[in-house]
Amino acid sequence: MSEVKVNKISPRSGTTVTLGDSGDTFTGSQTVANAALQGSGQITINGQAVALGGSITLTTETRPTVSGISPSAIENTQTAVVITGTNFVSVPLVTAINSTTGAQFTADEVSFTSSTSITAKFTISVDASYKLYVENPDGNAVQTGAILTVSDAPAWQTAAGTLGTFAGGANISTITLTATNSTGMTVQSGSLPGGITLNSGSGSSTLTGTESGASADTTYNFTIRATDAEGQTADRAFSLTFTFGANNSMSFN
């Protein structure tokens, strides 16, 4: 490999100096001090002109953040979702993005509470998980992971009201309670008769057992709560009646 050393290359006035061919690489070890660049031109950084050899202070932009939402599961009807985080500016644009299809639903309404809390009202027709996109008026924005679930809450199939009238101390056999989308049921208020047990199941739950504890005609009122996989709930009020008549008979409504 040959080597050529020169101290200076000076083109004639109005001519162009070409070194090497396309694809060649030139390696140099000479650095140029800022002082040598001053007055020789300028560059633009984020819209600000900066003289070569000079300096500027860049203004950093503040993006919003999202730390949580409540509730995290909603139905298809319009629902207000409180979004907490930081650096919100009145009033942000809020959009729900389907995690699978990318379909977007802009919030019907956004209320600004503070730089750490906003409320977005959504009406989303498609059940799915959704990301949230929050954009401040200055264009700074954040997109979350899938944090919002849209799904149908449990829907009761068993009619509210009495589940039957039984003789005191009788075995009620099996009474089935059904709610679509339910993954489990609990007694929300009131109390079951002594000896009667709620057996929680997915979709359907049962009441079984033999009544104990009552010595006179008694109606037990209680509310059963059905809960789905997303934590949405639906309550329904029921009753069981036990009688202690002369014939200690048993009947159903």
Protein backbone atom coordinates (compact mmCIF):
# COMPACT_ATOMS: atom_id res chain seq x y z
CA MET A 1 0.00 0.00 0.00
CA SER A 2 1.47 3.34 -1.07
CA GLU A 3 1.46 6.42 1.10
CA VAL A 4 1.37 10.05 0.08
CA LYS A 5 2.07 12.80 2.59
CA VAL A 6 1.24 16.45 1.90
CA ASN A 7 1.04 19.52 4.08
CA LYS A 8 -1.59 21.33 2.07
CA ILE A 9 -3.94 20.86 -0.89
CA SER A 10 -4.97 24.15 -2.53
CA PRO A 11 -7.40 24.08 -5.51
CA ARG A 12 -7.21 26.71 -8.15
CA SER A 13 -9.84 29.40 -7.92
CA GLY A 14 -13.17 28.15 -9.22
CA THR A 15 -12.16 24.48 -9.34
CA THR A 16 -13.17 21.45 -7.28
CA VAL A 17 -10.78 19.11 -5.54
CA THR A 18 -11.77 15.41 -5.66
CA LEU A 19 -10.06 12.92 -3.38
CA GLY A 20 -10.50 9.24 -4.23
CA ASP A 21 -13.47 7.49 -5.75
CA SER A 22 -16.96 6.73 -4.54
CA GLY A 23 -16.85 4.19 -1.69
CA ASP A 24 -13.36 5.18 -0.54
CA THR A 25 -12.86 5.86 3.16
CA PHE A 26 -10.65 8.62 4.49
CA THR A 27 -9.43 8.54 8.06
CA GLY A 28 -8.09 11.64 9.72
CA SER A 29 -6.68 12.29 13.15
CA GLN A 30 -6.76 16.05 13.09
CA THR A 31 -9.31 17.77 15.37
CA VAL A 32 -10.63 21.28 14.91
CA ALA A 33 -10.93 23.54 17.96
CA ASN A 34 -14.17 25.45 18.55
CA ALA A 35 -12.24 28.70 18.23
CA ALA A 36 -11.25 27.78 14.70
CA LEU A 37 -14.89 27.24 13.73
CA GLN A 38 -16.26 30.51 15.08
CA GLY A 39 -17.61 32.79 12.41
CA SER A 40 -17.47 30.09 9.74
CA GLY A 41 -21.18 29.16 9.67
CA GLN A 42 -24.07 27.86 11.73
CA ILE A 43 -26.32 24.85 12.27
CA THR A 44 -29.92 24.59 13.51
CA ILE A 45 -30.85 22.55 16.58
CA ASN A 46 -34.54 22.16 17.47
CA GLY A 47 -35.32 25.29 15.46
CA GLN A 48 -32.57 27.40 17.03
CA ALA A 49 -29.64 28.70 14.98
CA VAL A 50 -26.29 27.92 16.58
CA ALA A 51 -22.99 29.36 15.33
CA LEU A 52 -20.27 26.77 14.79
CA GLY A 53 -18.12 26.80 17.86
CA GLY A 54 -20.99 28.22 19.94
CA SER A 55 -23.48 26.62 22.31
CA ILE A 56 -27.16 26.80 23.38
CA THR A 57 -29.29 25.49 26.23
CA LEU A 58 -31.94 23.09 24.95
CA THR A 59 -35.38 23.18 26.56
CA THR A 60 -36.51 19.69 27.54
CA GLU A 61 -40.14 18.70 26.93
CA THR A 62 -42.29 17.14 29.65
CA ARG A 63 -44.41 14.17 28.66
CA PRO A 64 -47.47 13.02 30.62
CA THR A 65 -47.43 9.68 32.42
CA VAL A 66 -50.23 7.30 33.42
CA SER A 67 -49.97 5.36 36.68
CA GLY A 68 -53.46 3.87 36.91
CA ILE A 69 -57.17 4.02 36.04
CA SER A 70 -60.44 3.39 37.89
CA PRO A 71 -62.46 1.43 37.07
CA SER A 72 -60.25 -0.84 34.99
CA ALA A 73 -63.23 -2.72 33.51
CA ILE A 74 -66.30 -1.11 31.95
CA GLU A 75 -69.37 -2.12 29.95
CA ASN A 76 -70.45 -0.87 26.52
CA THR A 77 -72.53 1.97 27.92
CA GLN A 78 -70.92 5.37 28.56
CA THR A 79 -68.71 5.14 31.63
CA ALA A 80 -66.42 7.66 33.34
CA VAL A 81 -62.84 6.45 33.85
CA VAL A 82 -60.54 8.34 36.22
CA ILE A 83 -56.95 8.41 34.92
CA THR A 84 -54.15 9.20 37.36
CA GLY A 85 -50.58 10.10 36.48
CA THR A 86 -48.39 13.19 36.10
CA ASN A 87 -47.90 16.21 33.84
CA PHE A 88 -51.45 16.42 32.49
CA VAL A 89 -52.23 19.78 30.86
CA SER A 90 -55.77 21.09 30.38
CA VAL A 91 -57.33 19.57 28.39
CA PRO A 92 -55.71 16.38 27.01
CA LEU A 93 -56.96 14.26 24.13
CA VAL A 94 -57.70 10.72 25.38
CA THR A 95 -58.15 7.75 23.06
CA ALA A 96 -58.73 4.03 23.74
CA ILE A 97 -56.91 1.72 21.31
CA ASN A 98 -58.02 -1.88 20.80
CA SER A 99 -54.99 -4.02 21.72
CA THR A 100 -55.78 -6.58 19.00
CA THR A 101 -57.21 -4.63 16.06
CA GLY A 102 -55.86 -1.14 16.66
CA ALA A 103 -59.37 0.34 16.37
CA GLN A 104 -59.58 3.68 18.18
CA PHE A 105 -62.34 5.18 20.33
CA THR A 106 -61.91 8.84 21.26
CA ALA A 107 -63.29 9.74 24.68
CA ASP A 108 -66.75 11.35 24.52
CA GLU A 109 -65.64 13.91 27.07
CA VAL A 110 -62.49 14.69 29.07
CA SER A 111 -62.52 16.63 32.34
CA PHE A 112 -59.32 18.13 33.75
CA THR A 113 -59.06 17.84 37.53
CA SER A 114 -55.35 18.50 38.07
CA SER A 115 -51.94 17.75 36.60
CA THR A 116 -52.23 14.31 38.21
CA SER A 117 -55.88 13.42 37.49
CA ILE A 118 -58.27 13.57 34.54
CA THR A 119 -61.61 11.88 33.86
CA ALA A 120 -62.50 10.46 30.44
CA LYS A 121 -65.99 9.27 29.49
CA PHE A 122 -65.96 6.37 27.03
CA THR A 123 -68.66 4.65 25.01
CA ILE A 124 -66.93 1.61 23.50
CA SER A 125 -69.04 -0.85 21.53
CA VAL A 126 -66.50 -3.68 21.13
CA ASP A 127 -65.53 -5.97 24.03
CA ALA A 128 -61.72 -6.21 24.22
CA SER A 129 -58.68 -4.99 26.11
CA TYR A 130 -57.57 -1.43 25.35
CA LYS A 131 -54.48 0.76 25.57
CA LEU A 132 -54.92 4.43 26.46
CA TYR A 133 -53.31 7.30 24.56
CA VAL A 134 -53.15 10.66 26.36
CA GLU A 135 -51.93 13.71 24.44
CA ASN A 136 -51.48 17.17 25.95
CA PRO A 137 -52.30 20.28 23.87
CA ASP A 138 -48.56 20.84 23.25
CA GLY A 139 -48.29 17.46 21.51
CA ASN A 140 -46.47 15.62 24.29
CA ALA A 141 -48.13 12.25 24.77
CA VAL A 142 -47.99 8.83 26.40
CA GLN A 143 -49.43 5.45 25.36
CA THR A 144 -50.03 2.79 27.99
CA GLY A 145 -50.14 -0.96 27.74
CA ALA A 146 -53.50 -2.77 27.81
CA ILE A 147 -55.01 -1.42 31.04
CA LEU A 148 -58.72 -1.03 30.21
CA THR A 149 -61.09 -3.96 29.68
CA VAL A 150 -64.48 -3.59 28.02
CA SER A 151 -66.81 -6.52 28.74
CA ASP A 152 -70.37 -7.36 29.68
CA ALA A 153 -71.06 -7.51 33.40
CA PRO A 154 -72.83 -10.57 34.83
CA ALA A 155 -76.49 -10.74 33.80
CA TRP A 156 -78.91 -12.53 36.10
CA GLN A 157 -81.10 -15.25 34.61
CA THR A 158 -82.73 -16.30 37.89
CA ALA A 159 -85.65 -14.02 38.75
CA ALA A 160 -85.45 -11.97 41.92
CA GLY A 161 -87.77 -12.71 44.82
CA THR A 162 -88.78 -15.85 46.64
CA LEU A 163 -86.92 -19.09 45.98
CA GLY A 164 -89.61 -21.14 47.69
CA THR A 165 -91.43 -21.97 50.93
CA PHE A 166 -90.36 -25.05 52.89
CA ALA A 167 -91.28 -26.83 56.09
CA GLY A 168 -89.10 -25.86 59.01
CA GLY A 169 -86.11 -28.18 59.32
CA ALA A 170 -86.57 -29.46 55.73
CA ASN A 171 -83.86 -30.25 53.20
CA ILE A 172 -84.26 -27.79 50.32
CA SER A 173 -82.53 -30.17 47.87
CA THR A 174 -80.76 -28.01 45.24
CA ILE A 175 -81.72 -24.49 44.15
CA THR A 176 -79.74 -23.24 41.16
CA LEU A 177 -78.88 -19.55 40.68
CA THR A 178 -77.70 -18.55 37.20
CA ALA A 179 -76.02 -15.39 35.86
CA THR A 180 -74.25 -15.20 32.49
CA ASN A 181 -70.54 -14.25 32.57
CA SER A 182 -70.43 -15.02 36.28
CA THR A 183 -67.30 -16.68 37.61
CA GLY A 184 -68.51 -16.83 41.20
CA MET A 185 -71.21 -15.74 43.67
CA THR A 186 -71.19 -14.53 47.26
CA VAL A 187 -73.74 -13.41 49.84
CA GLN A 188 -73.55 -9.62 49.65
CA SER A 189 -76.05 -8.75 52.38
CA GLY A 190 -78.56 -10.41 54.66
CA SER A 191 -77.99 -14.00 55.73
CA LEU A 192 -78.85 -17.49 54.61
CA PRO A 193 -80.91 -19.76 56.86
CA GLY A 194 -78.92 -21.89 59.28
CA GLY A 195 -77.79 -25.10 57.61
CA ILE A 196 -78.13 -23.65 54.06
CA THR A 197 -74.94 -23.22 52.02
CA LEU A 198 -74.16 -21.23 48.87
CA ASN A 199 -71.94 -23.32 46.60
CA SER A 200 -70.24 -20.85 44.24
CA GLY A 201 -69.59 -21.91 40.65
CA SER A 202 -68.87 -20.49 37.20
CA GLY A 203 -72.06 -19.45 35.44
CA SER A 204 -74.28 -21.13 38.02
CA SER A 205 -74.18 -21.54 41.79
CA THR A 206 -76.40 -23.59 44.09
CA LEU A 207 -78.09 -23.39 47.46
CA THR A 208 -78.22 -26.71 49.33
CA GLY A 209 -78.68 -28.00 52.86
CA THR A 210 -81.16 -28.64 55.64
CA GLU A 211 -82.64 -25.67 57.49
CA SER A 212 -81.81 -25.42 61.15
CA GLY A 213 -82.18 -22.83 63.87
CA ALA A 214 -85.71 -21.50 63.32
CA SER A 215 -88.60 -22.53 65.58
CA ALA A 216 -91.33 -20.32 64.09
CA ASP A 217 -92.34 -19.21 60.62
CA THR A 218 -89.36 -17.27 59.25
CA THR A 219 -88.52 -15.56 55.96
CA TYR A 220 -84.83 -15.05 55.27
CA ASN A 221 -83.93 -12.16 52.94
CA PHE A 222 -80.50 -11.97 51.36
CA THR A 223 -78.69 -10.51 48.34
CA ILE A 224 -76.40 -12.60 46.14
CA ARG A 225 -73.61 -10.89 44.19
CA ALA A 226 -72.40 -12.38 40.89
CA THR A 227 -68.85 -11.42 39.84
CA ASP A 228 -67.17 -11.86 36.46
CA ALA A 229 -63.52 -12.37 35.50
CA GLU A 230 -62.94 -8.60 35.27
CA GLY A 231 -64.35 -7.93 38.73
CA GLN A 232 -67.65 -6.49 37.48
CA THR A 233 -70.63 -7.34 39.66
CA ALA A 234 -74.40 -7.68 39.60
CA ASP A 235 -76.56 -8.05 42.73
CA ARG A 236 -79.95 -9.74 43.09
CA ALA A 237 -82.25 -10.02 46.12
CA PHE A 238 -83.84 -13.36 47.08
CA SER A 239 -85.73 -14.91 49.98
CA LEU A 240 -86.38 -18.34 51.49
CA THR A 241 -89.36 -19.01 53.79
CA PHE A 242 -89.70 -21.79 56.35
CA THR A 243 -93.01 -22.54 58.05
CA PHE A 244 -93.94 -24.50 61.16
CA GLY A 245 -97.65 -25.14 60.54
CA ALA A 246 -99.77 -27.94 62.00
CA ASN A 247 -99.01 -30.20 59.06
CA ASN A 248 -95.46 -28.92 58.63
CA SER A 249 -96.15 -29.01 54.90
CA MET A 250 -93.76 -27.97 52.12
CA SER A 251 -94.65 -26.02 48.99
CA PHE A 252 -92.96 -24.04 46.23
CA ASN A 253 -93.88 -20.74 44.57
